[in-house]
């Protein structure tokens, strides 16, 4: 049976509104693969999604909108106001997202993979798969302003979401690499290019180290 392919995995994280999606798209344009746990969560909670029967059983029919997808506004209000409800939601979704992420990681043939996990510091089970952790960083005020502008949520609603995420200091403490997104968007590309070259070298080194040695070596 052939050995599983060697994956070099970069964990991508950052607070809401930090610019993770923009940074991820720049890496993908350079040839990296992306496994986005947010996208996997949306697929699981879409109409007919694999998580919907368990969510409806746990929270009732109110958890689903008219189309059968998760009513995200209803669930957001419930989960962010009650830690027990949030824990129930996570107990259903997190194992399913993790399993989907593992399958996606196994399918990629790119030189390296970005594994985007917004709440990495609180999400067990992912970090042992990661060779590096990349944090997209910006100030709390910039986070809040970006989310309000794109989502239409009130400042109080956005602050409630920020409050249950890791602090900026906690994210930076676990980072191997940091992208500063506190300025203009054009400043991101040079930072991404530099890290892309670094990850290509590290991925090649990992593959070389895992390659079986010749008996005559």
N, C-alpha and C. Protein backbone atom coordinates (compact mmCIF):
# COMPACT_ATOMS: atom_id res chain seq x y z
N UNK A 1 0.86 -1.19 0.00
CA UNK A 1 0.00 0.00 0.00
C UNK A 1 0.89 1.24 0.00
N UNK A 2 0.68 2.21 -0.92
CA UNK A 2 1.56 3.37 -0.98
C UNK A 2 1.45 4.22 0.27
N UNK A 3 2.57 4.85 0.64
CA UNK A 3 2.57 5.73 1.79
C UNK A 3 1.74 6.97 1.49
N UNK A 4 1.07 7.55 2.50
CA UNK A 4 0.29 8.77 2.26
C UNK A 4 1.22 9.91 1.87
N UNK A 5 0.73 10.82 1.02
CA UNK A 5 1.59 11.93 0.59
C UNK A 5 1.96 12.82 1.77
N UNK A 6 3.13 13.42 1.67
CA UNK A 6 3.60 14.32 2.72
C UNK A 6 2.98 15.70 2.50
N UNK A 7 2.26 16.19 3.47
CA UNK A 7 1.60 17.49 3.37
C UNK A 7 2.33 18.50 4.24
N UNK A 8 2.61 19.66 3.67
CA UNK A 8 3.08 20.79 4.48
C UNK A 8 1.88 21.69 4.68
N UNK A 9 1.48 21.84 5.93
CA UNK A 9 0.23 22.53 6.25
C UNK A 9 0.52 23.78 7.06
N UNK A 10 0.00 24.90 6.57
CA UNK A 10 0.11 26.18 7.27
C UNK A 10 -1.25 26.52 7.85
N UNK A 11 -1.34 26.61 9.16
CA UNK A 11 -2.57 27.02 9.81
C UNK A 11 -2.75 28.51 9.66
N UNK A 12 -3.87 28.93 9.08
CA UNK A 12 -4.17 30.35 8.87
C UNK A 12 -5.27 30.75 9.82
N UNK A 13 -5.01 31.77 10.64
CA UNK A 13 -6.02 32.21 11.59
C UNK A 13 -5.93 33.71 11.80
N UNK A 14 -6.89 34.23 12.52
CA UNK A 14 -6.99 35.66 12.79
C UNK A 14 -8.40 35.95 13.28
N UNK A 15 -8.56 37.07 13.93
CA UNK A 15 -9.88 37.43 14.42
C UNK A 15 -10.83 37.79 13.29
N UNK A 16 -12.12 37.85 13.61
CA UNK A 16 -13.10 38.27 12.63
C UNK A 16 -12.73 39.66 12.11
N UNK A 17 -12.82 39.85 10.81
CA UNK A 17 -12.49 41.15 10.22
C UNK A 17 -11.01 41.42 10.06
N UNK A 18 -10.17 40.42 10.32
CA UNK A 18 -8.72 40.65 10.20
C UNK A 18 -8.25 40.63 8.75
N UNK A 19 -9.02 40.02 7.86
CA UNK A 19 -8.63 39.94 6.46
C UNK A 19 -8.11 38.58 6.05
N UNK A 20 -8.50 37.52 6.75
CA UNK A 20 -8.02 36.17 6.44
C UNK A 20 -8.38 35.76 5.01
N UNK A 21 -9.60 36.08 4.59
CA UNK A 21 -10.04 35.65 3.26
C UNK A 21 -9.22 36.32 2.17
N UNK A 22 -8.94 37.59 2.34
CA UNK A 22 -8.12 38.31 1.36
C UNK A 22 -6.72 37.72 1.28
N UNK A 23 -6.14 37.47 2.44
CA UNK A 23 -4.80 36.87 2.49
C UNK A 23 -4.82 35.48 1.86
N UNK A 24 -5.82 34.69 2.18
CA UNK A 24 -5.91 33.34 1.62
C UNK A 24 -6.00 33.38 0.10
N UNK A 25 -6.77 34.32 -0.45
CA UNK A 25 -6.92 34.40 -1.90
C UNK A 25 -5.59 34.76 -2.58
N UNK A 26 -4.76 35.55 -1.91
CA UNK A 26 -3.45 35.90 -2.46
C UNK A 26 -2.54 34.68 -2.49
N UNK A 27 -2.58 33.87 -1.45
CA UNK A 27 -1.78 32.64 -1.44
C UNK A 27 -2.26 31.67 -2.51
N UNK A 28 -3.56 31.53 -2.65
CA UNK A 28 -4.11 30.61 -3.65
C UNK A 28 -3.70 31.04 -5.06
N UNK A 29 -3.68 32.35 -5.31
CA UNK A 29 -3.26 32.86 -6.61
C UNK A 29 -1.81 32.51 -6.93
N UNK A 30 -1.01 32.28 -5.87
CA UNK A 30 0.40 31.91 -6.06
C UNK A 30 0.60 30.40 -6.16
N UNK A 31 -0.47 29.62 -5.96
CA UNK A 31 -0.37 28.17 -6.13
C UNK A 31 -0.62 27.34 -4.89
N UNK A 32 -0.89 27.97 -3.76
CA UNK A 32 -1.21 27.21 -2.55
C UNK A 32 -2.63 26.65 -2.64
N UNK A 33 -2.88 25.57 -1.93
CA UNK A 33 -4.25 25.06 -1.78
C UNK A 33 -4.85 25.65 -0.51
N UNK A 34 -6.17 25.72 -0.47
CA UNK A 34 -6.86 26.26 0.70
C UNK A 34 -7.92 25.29 1.16
N UNK A 35 -7.88 24.95 2.44
CA UNK A 35 -8.97 24.22 3.09
C UNK A 35 -9.53 25.17 4.14
N UNK A 36 -10.73 25.66 3.90
CA UNK A 36 -11.34 26.72 4.72
C UNK A 36 -12.43 26.11 5.59
N UNK A 37 -12.21 26.08 6.89
CA UNK A 37 -13.20 25.45 7.76
C UNK A 37 -14.50 26.23 7.82
N UNK A 38 -14.45 27.55 7.59
CA UNK A 38 -15.70 28.33 7.50
C UNK A 38 -16.54 27.87 6.31
N UNK A 39 -15.88 27.67 5.16
CA UNK A 39 -16.60 27.20 3.98
C UNK A 39 -17.17 25.80 4.20
N UNK A 40 -16.42 24.95 4.89
CA UNK A 40 -16.91 23.61 5.19
C UNK A 40 -18.13 23.68 6.12
N UNK A 41 -18.08 24.59 7.10
CA UNK A 41 -19.21 24.76 8.00
C UNK A 41 -20.46 25.22 7.25
N UNK A 42 -20.27 26.14 6.29
CA UNK A 42 -21.41 26.60 5.51
C UNK A 42 -22.00 25.46 4.68
N UNK A 43 -21.14 24.62 4.11
CA UNK A 43 -21.64 23.49 3.33
C UNK A 43 -22.42 22.52 4.21
N UNK A 44 -21.94 22.29 5.41
CA UNK A 44 -22.60 21.36 6.32
C UNK A 44 -23.95 21.88 6.80
N UNK A 45 -24.12 23.21 6.79
CA UNK A 45 -25.36 23.81 7.30
C UNK A 45 -26.20 24.42 6.20
N UNK A 46 -25.89 24.08 4.96
CA UNK A 46 -26.69 24.55 3.82
C UNK A 46 -27.93 23.65 3.69
N UNK A 47 -28.86 23.99 2.79
CA UNK A 47 -30.01 23.09 2.60
C UNK A 47 -29.55 21.68 2.25
N UNK A 48 -29.99 20.72 2.99
CA UNK A 48 -29.57 19.34 2.78
C UNK A 48 -28.21 19.02 3.34
N UNK A 49 -27.59 19.97 4.05
CA UNK A 49 -26.27 19.75 4.63
C UNK A 49 -26.27 18.66 5.68
N UNK A 50 -25.15 17.97 5.80
CA UNK A 50 -25.08 16.81 6.69
C UNK A 50 -25.32 17.16 8.16
N UNK A 51 -25.07 18.41 8.55
CA UNK A 51 -25.24 18.78 9.96
C UNK A 51 -26.66 19.16 10.32
N UNK A 52 -27.49 19.43 9.32
CA UNK A 52 -28.81 19.98 9.62
C UNK A 52 -29.72 19.05 10.44
N UNK A 53 -29.77 17.74 10.18
CA UNK A 53 -30.63 16.90 11.02
C UNK A 53 -30.25 16.97 12.51
N UNK A 54 -28.96 16.94 12.80
CA UNK A 54 -28.53 16.98 14.20
C UNK A 54 -28.82 18.34 14.82
N UNK A 55 -28.66 19.41 14.06
CA UNK A 55 -28.92 20.75 14.59
C UNK A 55 -30.41 20.94 14.86
N UNK A 56 -31.25 20.45 13.97
CA UNK A 56 -32.70 20.56 14.19
C UNK A 56 -33.13 19.72 15.39
N UNK A 57 -32.51 18.55 15.53
CA UNK A 57 -32.83 17.71 16.69
C UNK A 57 -32.42 18.40 17.99
N UNK A 58 -31.28 19.07 17.98
CA UNK A 58 -30.78 19.71 19.20
C UNK A 58 -31.49 21.02 19.52
N UNK A 59 -31.82 21.81 18.49
CA UNK A 59 -32.32 23.17 18.73
C UNK A 59 -33.76 23.40 18.29
N UNK A 60 -34.35 22.40 17.62
CA UNK A 60 -35.72 22.56 17.16
C UNK A 60 -35.78 23.09 15.74
N UNK A 61 -37.00 23.10 15.19
CA UNK A 61 -37.19 23.52 13.80
C UNK A 61 -36.84 24.99 13.59
N UNK A 62 -36.82 25.79 14.65
CA UNK A 62 -36.47 27.21 14.53
C UNK A 62 -35.04 27.39 14.06
N UNK A 63 -34.21 26.36 14.20
CA UNK A 63 -32.81 26.46 13.77
C UNK A 63 -32.68 26.53 12.26
N UNK A 64 -33.72 26.11 11.54
CA UNK A 64 -33.67 26.08 10.08
C UNK A 64 -34.55 27.17 9.50
N UNK A 65 -34.05 27.80 8.44
CA UNK A 65 -34.85 28.78 7.72
C UNK A 65 -35.80 28.12 6.76
N UNK A 66 -36.58 28.91 6.01
CA UNK A 66 -37.55 28.34 5.07
C UNK A 66 -36.92 27.43 4.02
N UNK A 67 -35.65 27.69 3.68
CA UNK A 67 -35.00 26.87 2.65
C UNK A 67 -34.35 25.61 3.21
N UNK A 68 -34.42 25.43 4.52
CA UNK A 68 -33.83 24.25 5.14
C UNK A 68 -32.41 24.43 5.60
N UNK A 69 -31.81 25.58 5.31
CA UNK A 69 -30.46 25.87 5.79
C UNK A 69 -30.51 26.40 7.22
N UNK A 70 -29.37 26.39 7.88
CA UNK A 70 -29.28 26.95 9.21
C UNK A 70 -29.67 28.42 9.18
N UNK A 71 -30.53 28.83 10.09
CA UNK A 71 -30.87 30.25 10.25
C UNK A 71 -29.74 30.88 11.06
N UNK A 72 -28.76 31.44 10.35
CA UNK A 72 -27.53 31.89 11.01
C UNK A 72 -27.77 33.06 11.95
N UNK A 73 -28.66 33.96 11.61
CA UNK A 73 -28.95 35.09 12.49
C UNK A 73 -29.56 34.59 13.80
N UNK A 74 -30.49 33.66 13.70
CA UNK A 74 -31.14 33.09 14.89
C UNK A 74 -30.11 32.35 15.75
N UNK A 75 -29.27 31.56 15.09
CA UNK A 75 -28.28 30.79 15.83
C UNK A 75 -27.19 31.68 16.42
N UNK A 76 -26.80 32.74 15.68
CA UNK A 76 -25.78 33.65 16.18
C UNK A 76 -26.24 34.31 17.48
N UNK A 77 -27.48 34.79 17.47
CA UNK A 77 -28.00 35.45 18.66
C UNK A 77 -28.07 34.49 19.84
N UNK A 78 -28.45 33.28 19.57
CA UNK A 78 -28.58 32.27 20.62
C UNK A 78 -27.21 31.85 21.15
N UNK A 79 -26.28 31.57 20.23
CA UNK A 79 -24.98 31.02 20.63
C UNK A 79 -24.11 32.06 21.33
N UNK A 80 -24.15 33.30 20.87
CA UNK A 80 -23.27 34.30 21.46
C UNK A 80 -23.84 34.91 22.74
N UNK A 81 -25.07 34.58 23.08
CA UNK A 81 -25.63 35.08 24.33
C UNK A 81 -25.64 34.01 25.42
N UNK A 82 -25.37 32.76 25.05
CA UNK A 82 -25.45 31.67 26.02
C UNK A 82 -24.30 30.68 25.77
N UNK A 83 -23.31 30.64 26.65
CA UNK A 83 -22.17 29.74 26.46
C UNK A 83 -22.57 28.27 26.36
N UNK A 84 -23.61 27.86 27.05
CA UNK A 84 -24.03 26.46 26.97
C UNK A 84 -24.59 26.12 25.59
N UNK A 85 -25.35 27.06 25.04
CA UNK A 85 -25.87 26.84 23.69
C UNK A 85 -24.74 26.83 22.67
N UNK A 86 -23.77 27.71 22.86
CA UNK A 86 -22.62 27.72 21.95
C UNK A 86 -21.86 26.40 22.03
N UNK A 87 -21.71 25.87 23.23
CA UNK A 87 -21.02 24.59 23.41
C UNK A 87 -21.79 23.46 22.73
N UNK A 88 -23.13 23.49 22.81
CA UNK A 88 -23.94 22.46 22.13
C UNK A 88 -23.75 22.53 20.62
N UNK A 89 -23.76 23.77 20.09
CA UNK A 89 -23.56 23.96 18.66
C UNK A 89 -22.19 23.43 18.23
N UNK A 90 -21.16 23.79 18.99
CA UNK A 90 -19.80 23.38 18.63
C UNK A 90 -19.63 21.87 18.73
N UNK A 91 -20.29 21.24 19.71
CA UNK A 91 -20.17 19.79 19.87
C UNK A 91 -20.72 19.05 18.65
N UNK A 92 -21.70 19.64 17.98
CA UNK A 92 -22.24 19.03 16.78
C UNK A 92 -21.36 19.34 15.57
N UNK A 93 -21.02 20.62 15.40
CA UNK A 93 -20.35 21.04 14.18
C UNK A 93 -18.87 20.71 14.13
N UNK A 94 -18.15 20.90 15.22
CA UNK A 94 -16.69 20.80 15.16
C UNK A 94 -16.18 19.43 14.69
N UNK A 95 -16.72 18.32 15.21
CA UNK A 95 -16.23 17.02 14.70
C UNK A 95 -16.51 16.82 13.21
N UNK A 96 -17.65 17.33 12.75
CA UNK A 96 -17.99 17.16 11.34
C UNK A 96 -17.10 18.04 10.46
N UNK A 97 -16.80 19.24 10.91
CA UNK A 97 -15.90 20.13 10.16
C UNK A 97 -14.51 19.53 10.12
N UNK A 98 -14.05 19.01 11.25
CA UNK A 98 -12.71 18.42 11.31
C UNK A 98 -12.60 17.24 10.34
N UNK A 99 -13.61 16.39 10.30
CA UNK A 99 -13.57 15.24 9.40
C UNK A 99 -13.55 15.69 7.94
N UNK A 100 -14.34 16.71 7.61
CA UNK A 100 -14.36 17.23 6.25
C UNK A 100 -13.02 17.86 5.88
N UNK A 101 -12.40 18.55 6.85
CA UNK A 101 -11.09 19.16 6.60
C UNK A 101 -10.04 18.10 6.34
N UNK A 102 -10.07 17.02 7.08
CA UNK A 102 -9.11 15.93 6.87
C UNK A 102 -9.25 15.35 5.47
N UNK A 103 -10.48 15.17 5.03
CA UNK A 103 -10.70 14.62 3.68
C UNK A 103 -10.17 15.59 2.62
N UNK A 104 -10.40 16.88 2.83
CA UNK A 104 -9.93 17.87 1.87
C UNK A 104 -8.40 17.94 1.85
N UNK A 105 -7.76 17.84 3.00
CA UNK A 105 -6.30 17.85 3.06
C UNK A 105 -5.72 16.66 2.29
N UNK A 106 -6.37 15.52 2.41
CA UNK A 106 -5.86 14.32 1.74
C UNK A 106 -5.99 14.40 0.22
N UNK A 107 -6.90 15.25 -0.26
CA UNK A 107 -7.13 15.30 -1.71
C UNK A 107 -6.20 16.27 -2.43
N UNK A 108 -5.59 17.20 -1.74
CA UNK A 108 -4.84 18.26 -2.43
C UNK A 108 -3.50 17.76 -2.97
N UNK A 109 -3.12 18.34 -4.10
CA UNK A 109 -1.83 18.03 -4.70
C UNK A 109 -0.95 19.27 -4.79
N UNK A 110 -1.34 20.35 -4.14
CA UNK A 110 -0.58 21.60 -4.20
C UNK A 110 0.73 21.48 -3.41
N UNK A 111 1.70 22.36 -3.65
CA UNK A 111 2.97 22.30 -2.92
C UNK A 111 2.81 22.39 -1.40
N UNK A 112 1.83 23.18 -0.97
CA UNK A 112 1.51 23.26 0.46
C UNK A 112 0.06 23.69 0.60
N UNK A 113 -0.47 23.54 1.80
CA UNK A 113 -1.89 23.77 2.05
C UNK A 113 -2.06 24.80 3.15
N UNK A 114 -2.95 25.76 2.92
CA UNK A 114 -3.41 26.64 3.99
C UNK A 114 -4.65 26.01 4.61
N UNK A 115 -4.60 25.78 5.91
CA UNK A 115 -5.76 25.28 6.64
C UNK A 115 -6.30 26.44 7.48
N UNK A 116 -7.38 27.05 6.99
CA UNK A 116 -7.92 28.24 7.63
C UNK A 116 -8.87 27.84 8.76
N UNK A 117 -8.50 28.21 9.98
CA UNK A 117 -9.29 27.90 11.17
C UNK A 117 -9.42 29.19 11.98
N UNK A 118 -10.53 29.91 11.85
CA UNK A 118 -10.64 31.21 12.52
C UNK A 118 -10.42 31.15 14.03
N UNK A 119 -10.95 30.13 14.69
CA UNK A 119 -10.84 30.04 16.15
C UNK A 119 -9.81 28.98 16.53
N UNK A 120 -8.64 29.08 15.95
CA UNK A 120 -7.63 28.03 16.12
C UNK A 120 -7.24 27.83 17.57
N UNK A 121 -7.10 28.90 18.33
CA UNK A 121 -6.64 28.77 19.71
C UNK A 121 -7.62 27.98 20.56
N UNK A 122 -8.90 27.94 20.14
CA UNK A 122 -9.91 27.22 20.90
C UNK A 122 -10.36 25.95 20.22
N UNK A 123 -9.76 25.61 19.10
CA UNK A 123 -10.20 24.44 18.32
C UNK A 123 -9.18 23.32 18.46
N UNK A 124 -9.51 22.36 19.26
CA UNK A 124 -8.60 21.25 19.47
C UNK A 124 -8.52 20.34 18.26
N UNK A 125 -7.39 19.66 18.11
CA UNK A 125 -7.25 18.65 17.08
C UNK A 125 -6.63 19.10 15.79
N UNK A 126 -6.56 20.39 15.54
CA UNK A 126 -6.00 20.87 14.29
C UNK A 126 -4.50 21.10 14.37
N UNK A 127 -4.01 21.54 15.50
CA UNK A 127 -2.65 22.06 15.54
C UNK A 127 -1.59 21.00 15.28
N UNK A 128 -1.89 19.74 15.61
CA UNK A 128 -0.89 18.70 15.34
C UNK A 128 -0.72 18.44 13.85
N UNK A 129 -1.68 18.89 13.03
CA UNK A 129 -1.56 18.73 11.58
C UNK A 129 -0.78 19.88 10.95
N UNK A 130 -0.47 20.92 11.72
CA UNK A 130 0.10 22.14 11.15
C UNK A 130 1.61 22.20 11.36
N UNK A 131 2.31 22.57 10.29
CA UNK A 131 3.75 22.77 10.37
C UNK A 131 4.10 24.19 10.77
N UNK A 132 3.26 25.14 10.42
CA UNK A 132 3.44 26.54 10.79
C UNK A 132 2.06 27.12 11.10
N UNK A 133 2.05 28.16 11.91
CA UNK A 133 0.82 28.91 12.18
C UNK A 133 1.03 30.34 11.73
N UNK A 134 0.17 30.79 10.82
CA UNK A 134 0.21 32.14 10.29
C UNK A 134 -0.99 32.92 10.82
N UNK A 135 -0.71 34.04 11.47
CA UNK A 135 -1.76 34.89 12.02
C UNK A 135 -1.87 36.17 11.20
N UNK A 136 -3.08 36.48 10.76
CA UNK A 136 -3.35 37.76 10.12
C UNK A 136 -3.78 38.71 11.23
N UNK A 137 -3.04 39.79 11.38
CA UNK A 137 -3.19 40.66 12.56
C UNK A 137 -3.65 42.06 12.17
N UNK A 138 -4.54 42.60 13.00
CA UNK A 138 -4.91 44.01 12.89
C UNK A 138 -5.46 44.45 14.23
N UNK A 139 -5.66 45.74 14.39
CA UNK A 139 -6.15 46.26 15.66
C UNK A 139 -7.62 45.89 15.86
N UNK A 140 -8.05 45.91 17.11
CA UNK A 140 -9.44 45.57 17.43
C UNK A 140 -10.41 46.55 16.78
N UNK A 141 -10.07 47.83 16.78
CA UNK A 141 -10.96 48.83 16.19
C UNK A 141 -11.11 48.62 14.69
N UNK A 142 -10.02 48.24 14.03
CA UNK A 142 -10.11 47.99 12.60
C UNK A 142 -10.96 46.75 12.33
N UNK A 143 -10.80 45.72 13.16
CA UNK A 143 -11.66 44.54 13.05
C UNK A 143 -13.12 44.93 13.09
N UNK A 144 -13.49 45.67 14.12
CA UNK A 144 -14.90 46.02 14.33
C UNK A 144 -15.43 46.83 13.17
N UNK A 145 -14.65 47.81 12.71
CA UNK A 145 -15.09 48.66 11.60
C UNK A 145 -15.31 47.84 10.33
N UNK A 146 -14.39 46.91 10.04
CA UNK A 146 -14.52 46.09 8.83
C UNK A 146 -15.77 45.23 8.88
N UNK A 147 -16.02 44.60 10.02
CA UNK A 147 -17.16 43.69 10.11
C UNK A 147 -18.47 44.47 10.03
N UNK A 148 -18.53 45.62 10.68
CA UNK A 148 -19.75 46.45 10.61
C UNK A 148 -20.02 46.87 9.17
N UNK A 149 -18.97 47.24 8.44
CA UNK A 149 -19.13 47.72 7.07
C UNK A 149 -19.61 46.61 6.14
N UNK A 150 -19.11 45.39 6.32
CA UNK A 150 -19.45 44.34 5.36
C UNK A 150 -20.72 43.59 5.73
N UNK A 151 -21.09 43.58 7.02
CA UNK A 151 -22.19 42.71 7.47
C UNK A 151 -23.46 43.46 7.84
N UNK A 152 -23.33 44.75 8.14
CA UNK A 152 -24.50 45.49 8.60
C UNK A 152 -24.85 45.25 10.06
N UNK A 153 -24.02 44.48 10.77
CA UNK A 153 -24.25 44.26 12.20
C UNK A 153 -23.94 45.53 12.97
N UNK A 154 -24.57 45.68 14.11
CA UNK A 154 -24.29 46.83 14.97
C UNK A 154 -22.95 46.65 15.66
N UNK A 155 -22.43 47.75 16.20
CA UNK A 155 -21.17 47.66 16.94
C UNK A 155 -21.29 46.70 18.11
N UNK A 156 -22.41 46.74 18.81
CA UNK A 156 -22.60 45.85 19.97
C UNK A 156 -22.60 44.39 19.53
N UNK A 157 -23.23 44.09 18.40
CA UNK A 157 -23.25 42.71 17.90
C UNK A 157 -21.85 42.23 17.53
N UNK A 158 -21.10 43.09 16.87
CA UNK A 158 -19.74 42.71 16.48
C UNK A 158 -18.86 42.54 17.71
N UNK A 159 -18.99 43.41 18.67
CA UNK A 159 -18.18 43.30 19.89
C UNK A 159 -18.50 42.02 20.66
N UNK A 160 -19.76 41.58 20.60
CA UNK A 160 -20.13 40.32 21.26
C UNK A 160 -19.42 39.14 20.60
N UNK A 161 -19.27 39.19 19.27
CA UNK A 161 -18.56 38.13 18.56
C UNK A 161 -17.07 38.19 18.91
N UNK A 162 -16.49 39.38 18.86
CA UNK A 162 -15.07 39.55 19.18
C UNK A 162 -14.77 39.07 20.59
N UNK A 163 -15.71 39.30 21.50
CA UNK A 163 -15.48 38.98 22.92
C UNK A 163 -15.30 37.49 23.18
N UNK A 164 -15.89 36.63 22.32
CA UNK A 164 -15.77 35.19 22.55
C UNK A 164 -14.62 34.58 21.77
N UNK A 165 -13.91 35.39 20.98
CA UNK A 165 -12.75 34.90 20.26
C UNK A 165 -11.50 35.12 21.10
N UNK A 166 -10.41 34.50 20.68
CA UNK A 166 -9.12 34.72 21.34
C UNK A 166 -8.74 36.18 21.24
N UNK A 167 -7.98 36.66 22.21
CA UNK A 167 -7.51 38.03 22.15
C UNK A 167 -6.40 38.16 21.11
N UNK A 168 -6.13 39.37 20.74
CA UNK A 168 -5.03 39.62 19.80
C UNK A 168 -3.73 39.08 20.36
N UNK A 169 -3.50 39.27 21.64
CA UNK A 169 -2.27 38.81 22.28
C UNK A 169 -2.17 37.29 22.26
N UNK A 170 -3.28 36.60 22.49
CA UNK A 170 -3.28 35.13 22.45
C UNK A 170 -2.97 34.62 21.05
N UNK A 171 -3.53 35.26 20.04
CA UNK A 171 -3.24 34.82 18.67
C UNK A 171 -1.76 35.03 18.33
N UNK A 172 -1.24 36.18 18.66
CA UNK A 172 0.16 36.47 18.33
C UNK A 172 1.11 35.55 19.09
N UNK A 173 0.72 35.13 20.29
CA UNK A 173 1.59 34.27 21.08
C UNK A 173 1.78 32.90 20.44
N UNK A 174 0.81 32.45 19.65
CA UNK A 174 0.95 31.12 19.03
C UNK A 174 1.47 31.19 17.61
N UNK A 175 1.74 32.39 17.10
CA UNK A 175 2.11 32.56 15.70
C UNK A 175 3.57 32.20 15.44
N UNK A 176 3.79 31.48 14.34
CA UNK A 176 5.14 31.34 13.79
C UNK A 176 5.42 32.49 12.82
N UNK A 177 4.36 32.93 12.13
CA UNK A 177 4.47 34.00 11.14
C UNK A 177 3.28 34.93 11.32
N UNK A 178 3.48 36.21 11.00
CA UNK A 178 2.42 37.21 11.15
C UNK A 178 2.36 38.07 9.89
N UNK A 179 1.14 38.30 9.40
CA UNK A 179 0.91 39.27 8.35
C UNK A 179 0.19 40.46 8.97
N UNK A 180 0.74 41.64 8.78
CA UNK A 180 0.17 42.86 9.32
C UNK A 180 -0.86 43.40 8.33
N UNK A 181 -2.12 43.41 8.74
CA UNK A 181 -3.19 43.93 7.89
C UNK A 181 -3.87 45.12 8.56
N UNK A 182 -3.08 45.96 9.18
CA UNK A 182 -3.62 47.15 9.82
C UNK A 182 -3.58 48.36 8.89
N UNK A 183 -3.05 48.16 7.67
CA UNK A 183 -2.94 49.27 6.74
C UNK A 183 -3.76 49.05 5.49
N UNK A 184 -3.24 49.51 4.36
CA UNK A 184 -3.96 49.39 3.10
C UNK A 184 -3.78 47.99 2.52
N UNK A 185 -4.75 47.57 1.70
CA UNK A 185 -4.73 46.21 1.16
C UNK A 185 -3.52 45.96 0.27
N UNK A 186 -3.02 46.99 -0.42
CA UNK A 186 -1.88 46.79 -1.32
C UNK A 186 -0.62 46.34 -0.58
N UNK A 187 -0.59 46.57 0.74
CA UNK A 187 0.59 46.17 1.52
C UNK A 187 0.62 44.68 1.81
N UNK A 188 -0.45 43.96 1.49
CA UNK A 188 -0.50 42.53 1.79
C UNK A 188 0.33 41.69 0.82
N UNK A 189 0.28 42.02 -0.46
CA UNK A 189 0.90 41.17 -1.48
C UNK A 189 2.38 40.92 -1.23
N UNK A 190 3.20 41.93 -0.90
CA UNK A 190 4.62 41.64 -0.66
C UNK A 190 4.84 40.72 0.54
N UNK A 191 4.02 40.85 1.57
CA UNK A 191 4.15 39.97 2.73
C UNK A 191 3.79 38.54 2.36
N UNK A 192 2.74 38.38 1.57
CA UNK A 192 2.31 37.05 1.15
C UNK A 192 3.37 36.41 0.25
N UNK A 193 3.91 37.16 -0.68
CA UNK A 193 4.93 36.63 -1.59
C UNK A 193 6.15 36.13 -0.82
N UNK A 194 6.59 36.89 0.16
CA UNK A 194 7.76 36.49 0.96
C UNK A 194 7.48 35.18 1.71
N UNK A 195 6.31 35.08 2.32
CA UNK A 195 5.98 33.86 3.05
C UNK A 195 5.75 32.68 2.11
N UNK A 196 5.17 32.95 0.93
CA UNK A 196 4.97 31.89 -0.05
C UNK A 196 6.29 31.23 -0.41
N UNK A 197 7.31 32.02 -0.67
CA UNK A 197 8.62 31.47 -1.00
C UNK A 197 9.19 30.67 0.16
N UNK A 198 8.99 31.16 1.36
CA UNK A 198 9.46 30.44 2.55
C UNK A 198 8.74 29.10 2.69
N UNK A 199 7.43 29.09 2.47
CA UNK A 199 6.67 27.85 2.63
C UNK A 199 7.02 26.84 1.53
N UNK A 200 7.31 27.31 0.33
CA UNK A 200 7.74 26.39 -0.71
C UNK A 200 9.04 25.69 -0.31
N UNK A 201 9.97 26.45 0.24
CA UNK A 201 11.25 25.85 0.68
C UNK A 201 11.03 24.86 1.81
N UNK A 202 10.21 25.24 2.77
CA UNK A 202 9.96 24.35 3.92
C UNK A 202 9.21 23.10 3.49
N UNK A 203 8.27 23.25 2.56
CA UNK A 203 7.53 22.09 2.07
C UNK A 203 8.46 21.12 1.35
N UNK A 204 9.36 21.65 0.55
CA UNK A 204 10.32 20.80 -0.15
C UNK A 204 11.23 20.08 0.84
N UNK A 205 11.66 20.79 1.87
CA UNK A 205 12.52 20.18 2.89
C UNK A 205 11.79 19.05 3.62
N UNK A 206 10.52 19.26 3.90
CA UNK A 206 9.74 18.21 4.59
C UNK A 206 9.60 16.99 3.71
N UNK A 207 9.33 17.20 2.42
CA UNK A 207 9.21 16.06 1.50
C UNK A 207 10.53 15.32 1.37
N UNK A 208 11.63 16.07 1.29
CA UNK A 208 12.95 15.45 1.16
C UNK A 208 13.29 14.63 2.39
N UNK A 209 12.97 15.16 3.57
CA UNK A 209 13.27 14.46 4.81
C UNK A 209 12.45 13.18 4.95
N UNK A 210 11.24 13.19 4.35
CA UNK A 210 10.37 12.01 4.47
C UNK A 210 10.65 10.96 3.40
N UNK A 211 11.44 11.31 2.40
CA UNK A 211 11.72 10.38 1.30
C UNK A 211 12.57 9.21 1.78
N UNK A 212 12.20 7.98 1.48
CA UNK A 212 12.98 6.82 1.93
C UNK A 212 14.40 6.89 1.39
N UNK A 213 15.34 6.58 2.23
CA UNK A 213 16.76 6.58 1.79
C UNK A 213 17.09 5.29 1.05
N UNK A 214 17.96 5.43 0.08
CA UNK A 214 18.45 4.25 -0.65
C UNK A 214 19.30 3.41 0.29
N UNK A 215 19.24 2.07 0.18
CA UNK A 215 20.07 1.21 1.04
C UNK A 215 21.56 1.50 0.89
N UNK A 216 21.96 2.03 -0.28
CA UNK A 216 23.37 2.32 -0.50
C UNK A 216 23.78 3.69 -0.03
N UNK A 217 22.77 4.50 0.48
CA UNK A 217 23.09 5.88 0.87
C UNK A 217 23.94 5.90 2.12
